[in-house]
Amino acid sequence: MMELVEIKGLFEMDFGSPSPTILSNDNELFIAFYADKQSSSTIPQERNTIYDTGIFALKFKAFLKYTFGLPGDETIQGHPYSKLGMKSYSFYELRNSDLIKSLQDIEKIHPNYNPEKWKMYKHYILTFHDNMFECIAQDFEIREENTSLYNQATVMLNELSVRHF
């Protein structure tokens, strides 16, 4: 049975314009967005992604798949996970994920299929104002940056470009 567990205490989501930005290569995935640790105000703020500071960056390690798009906060009640308690402006792990199971079913035809590998993967969900992000990955790191989203995107791109041999 699927269980939606909220990951709390890392940040307070920006209710107005978090401006999520995603960068990835074959193995690592970054998503950066504006969040508000000091306030839980529901008053939307316009953001200038060149100059406004105060973002969070999540780095997902060994990701298999991600999706980004609908629903937003006005239609999230139509998403199947809303029955599990999913709400906007939150960060979750979905345990016993149907998405992980469906990906595993696809991979079963691979000649080197190993069911043990799948125990390492988790299903993460970030719900924003206008959209939702889902990612299947082994783990994540989070960091708070006192920079603009534009500058952080440059940092993330540089990290993705560095090859580890």
Protein backbone atom coordinates (compact mmCIF):
# COMPACT_ATOMS: atom_id res chain seq x y z
CA MET A 1 0.00 0.00 0.00
CA MET A 2 1.34 3.42 -0.96
CA GLU A 3 2.13 5.86 1.84
CA LEU A 4 2.81 9.58 1.33
CA VAL A 5 5.27 10.92 3.92
CA GLU A 6 5.89 14.67 4.09
CA ILE A 7 9.53 15.69 4.46
CA LYS A 8 9.33 18.64 6.84
CA GLY A 9 11.71 21.14 8.34
CA LEU A 10 13.94 21.77 5.34
CA PHE A 11 12.21 24.88 3.94
CA GLU A 12 8.90 26.71 3.63
CA MET A 13 7.77 26.77 0.00
CA ASP A 14 7.28 30.16 -1.65
CA PHE A 15 3.50 30.44 -2.19
CA GLY A 16 3.73 32.86 -5.08
CA SER A 17 6.44 32.30 -7.62
CA PRO A 18 9.02 29.69 -6.58
CA SER A 19 10.31 29.60 -10.19
CA PRO A 20 11.52 25.96 -10.14
CA THR A 21 14.47 25.42 -12.47
CA ILE A 22 15.70 21.95 -13.47
CA LEU A 23 19.07 20.85 -14.87
CA SER A 24 20.22 17.26 -15.39
CA ASN A 25 22.61 14.93 -17.11
CA ASP A 26 22.44 11.11 -17.33
CA ASN A 27 23.08 10.55 -13.64
CA GLU A 28 22.41 13.67 -11.57
CA LEU A 29 19.50 16.05 -11.40
CA PHE A 30 19.20 19.48 -9.82
CA ILE A 31 16.09 21.47 -9.05
CA ALA A 32 16.40 24.95 -7.58
CA PHE A 33 13.57 27.19 -6.40
CA TYR A 34 12.74 30.10 -4.15
CA ALA A 35 11.58 29.23 -0.67
CA ASP A 36 10.85 31.24 2.43
CA LYS A 37 12.23 29.90 5.71
CA GLN A 38 11.19 32.89 7.82
CA SER A 39 7.56 33.23 6.81
CA SER A 40 4.63 31.05 5.94
CA SER A 41 2.80 33.95 4.31
CA THR A 42 0.33 33.00 1.60
CA ILE A 43 0.73 36.38 -0.11
CA PRO A 44 2.25 35.75 -3.55
CA GLN A 45 5.51 37.50 -4.39
CA GLU A 46 6.81 38.30 -7.84
CA ARG A 47 10.40 37.15 -8.28
CA ASN A 48 13.22 38.59 -10.29
CA THR A 49 15.31 35.50 -11.03
CA ILE A 50 18.33 37.63 -11.95
CA TYR A 51 18.51 39.62 -8.71
CA ASP A 52 16.33 38.06 -5.97
CA THR A 53 18.26 35.82 -3.58
CA GLY A 54 17.33 33.04 -1.18
CA ILE A 55 16.95 29.78 -3.05
CA PHE A 56 17.17 26.11 -2.23
CA ALA A 57 18.84 23.58 -4.50
CA LEU A 58 18.12 19.87 -4.34
CA LYS A 59 20.51 17.44 -6.00
CA PHE A 60 19.07 14.01 -6.75
CA LYS A 61 21.64 11.24 -7.05
CA ALA A 62 21.40 8.31 -9.46
CA PHE A 63 17.97 9.37 -10.69
CA LEU A 64 16.02 7.12 -13.05
CA LYS A 65 13.16 9.35 -14.13
CA TYR A 66 11.61 12.70 -13.42
CA THR A 67 8.44 14.50 -14.49
CA PHE A 68 7.49 18.15 -14.23
CA GLY A 69 4.24 19.92 -15.01
CA LEU A 70 0.61 19.69 -14.03
CA PRO A 71 -1.09 19.79 -11.62
CA GLY A 72 -0.81 23.17 -9.92
CA ASP A 73 -2.36 24.23 -6.63
CA GLU A 74 -5.80 24.83 -8.17
CA THR A 75 -6.10 21.30 -9.63
CA ILE A 76 -4.01 19.16 -7.26
CA GLN A 77 -7.19 17.62 -5.81
CA GLY A 78 -7.60 15.84 -9.17
CA HIS A 79 -4.29 14.01 -8.83
CA PRO A 80 -4.50 10.38 -7.59
CA TYR A 81 -2.01 11.07 -4.77
CA SER A 82 -4.29 13.75 -3.28
CA LYS A 83 -6.26 10.84 -1.77
CA LEU A 84 -3.06 10.05 0.17
CA GLY A 85 -2.92 13.60 1.56
CA MET A 86 -0.80 15.39 -1.05
CA LYS A 87 -1.16 19.17 -0.89
CA SER A 88 0.50 22.08 -2.66
CA TYR A 89 3.70 23.74 -1.42
CA SER A 90 5.18 20.58 0.08
CA PHE A 91 7.95 17.98 -0.26
CA TYR A 92 7.13 14.26 0.00
CA GLU A 93 8.44 10.75 -0.29
CA LEU A 94 5.93 8.26 -1.70
CA ARG A 95 6.65 4.86 -0.18
CA ASN A 96 5.65 1.69 -2.04
CA SER A 97 5.39 3.87 -5.14
CA ASP A 98 3.29 2.76 -8.08
CA LEU A 99 5.70 4.60 -10.39
CA ILE A 100 8.72 2.67 -9.10
CA LYS A 101 6.77 -0.58 -9.54
CA SER A 102 5.86 0.31 -13.12
CA LEU A 103 9.48 1.19 -13.96
CA GLN A 104 10.62 -2.06 -12.37
CA ASP A 105 8.11 -4.01 -14.48
CA ILE A 106 9.59 -2.44 -17.62
CA GLU A 107 13.15 -3.29 -16.56
CA LYS A 108 12.33 -6.95 -15.80
CA ILE A 109 13.00 -7.87 -19.42
CA HIS A 110 16.63 -6.70 -19.17
CA PRO A 111 19.02 -9.71 -19.19
CA ASN A 112 20.88 -8.34 -16.13
CA TYR A 113 17.76 -7.42 -14.17
CA ASN A 114 18.41 -7.33 -10.42
CA PRO A 115 15.38 -6.84 -8.14
CA GLU A 116 17.65 -5.89 -5.21
CA LYS A 117 18.75 -2.72 -7.03
CA TRP A 118 15.22 -1.34 -6.83
CA LYS A 119 15.25 -1.27 -3.02
CA MET A 120 17.67 1.68 -3.21
CA TYR A 121 15.24 3.96 -5.08
CA LYS A 122 12.76 6.43 -3.62
CA HIS A 123 9.95 8.45 -5.13
CA TYR A 124 10.20 12.17 -4.28
CA ILE A 125 7.50 14.77 -4.96
CA LEU A 126 7.68 18.58 -4.77
CA THR A 127 4.41 20.47 -5.17
CA PHE A 128 4.71 24.10 -6.24
CA HIS A 129 2.21 26.85 -7.03
CA ASP A 130 1.77 26.13 -10.74
CA ASN A 131 3.27 22.67 -11.12
CA MET A 132 4.55 19.48 -9.55
CA PHE A 133 7.93 17.73 -9.74
CA GLU A 134 8.40 13.97 -9.27
CA CYS A 135 11.71 12.12 -9.23
CA ILE A 136 12.80 8.53 -8.77
CA ALA A 137 16.32 8.61 -7.28
CA GLN A 138 18.51 6.92 -4.71
CA ASP A 139 18.92 9.98 -2.49
CA PHE A 140 19.03 13.76 -2.41
CA GLU A 141 21.10 16.56 -0.94
CA ILE A 142 19.72 19.98 -0.14
CA ARG A 143 21.50 23.27 0.25
CA GLU A 144 20.37 26.79 0.89
CA GLU A 145 22.07 29.41 -1.23
CA ASN A 146 22.10 33.16 -0.75
CA THR A 147 22.21 33.81 -4.48
CA SER A 148 19.81 34.36 -7.34
CA LEU A 149 18.19 31.55 -9.27
CA TYR A 150 20.10 32.70 -12.35
CA ASN A 151 23.46 32.43 -10.58
CA GLN A 152 22.53 29.09 -9.01
CA ALA A 153 21.64 27.67 -12.42
CA THR A 154 25.17 28.52 -13.54
CA VAL A 155 26.62 26.73 -10.49
CA MET A 156 24.44 23.65 -11.14
CA LEU A 157 25.42 23.55 -14.82
CA ASN A 158 29.10 23.71 -13.87
CA GLU A 159 28.64 20.83 -11.41
CA LEU A 160 26.95 18.72 -14.08
CA SER A 161 29.75 19.50 -16.54
CA VAL A 162 32.49 18.21 -14.22
CA ARG A 163 33.23 14.59 -15.11
CA HIS A 164 34.42 12.24 -12.38
CA PHE A 165 36.72 9.53 -13.73
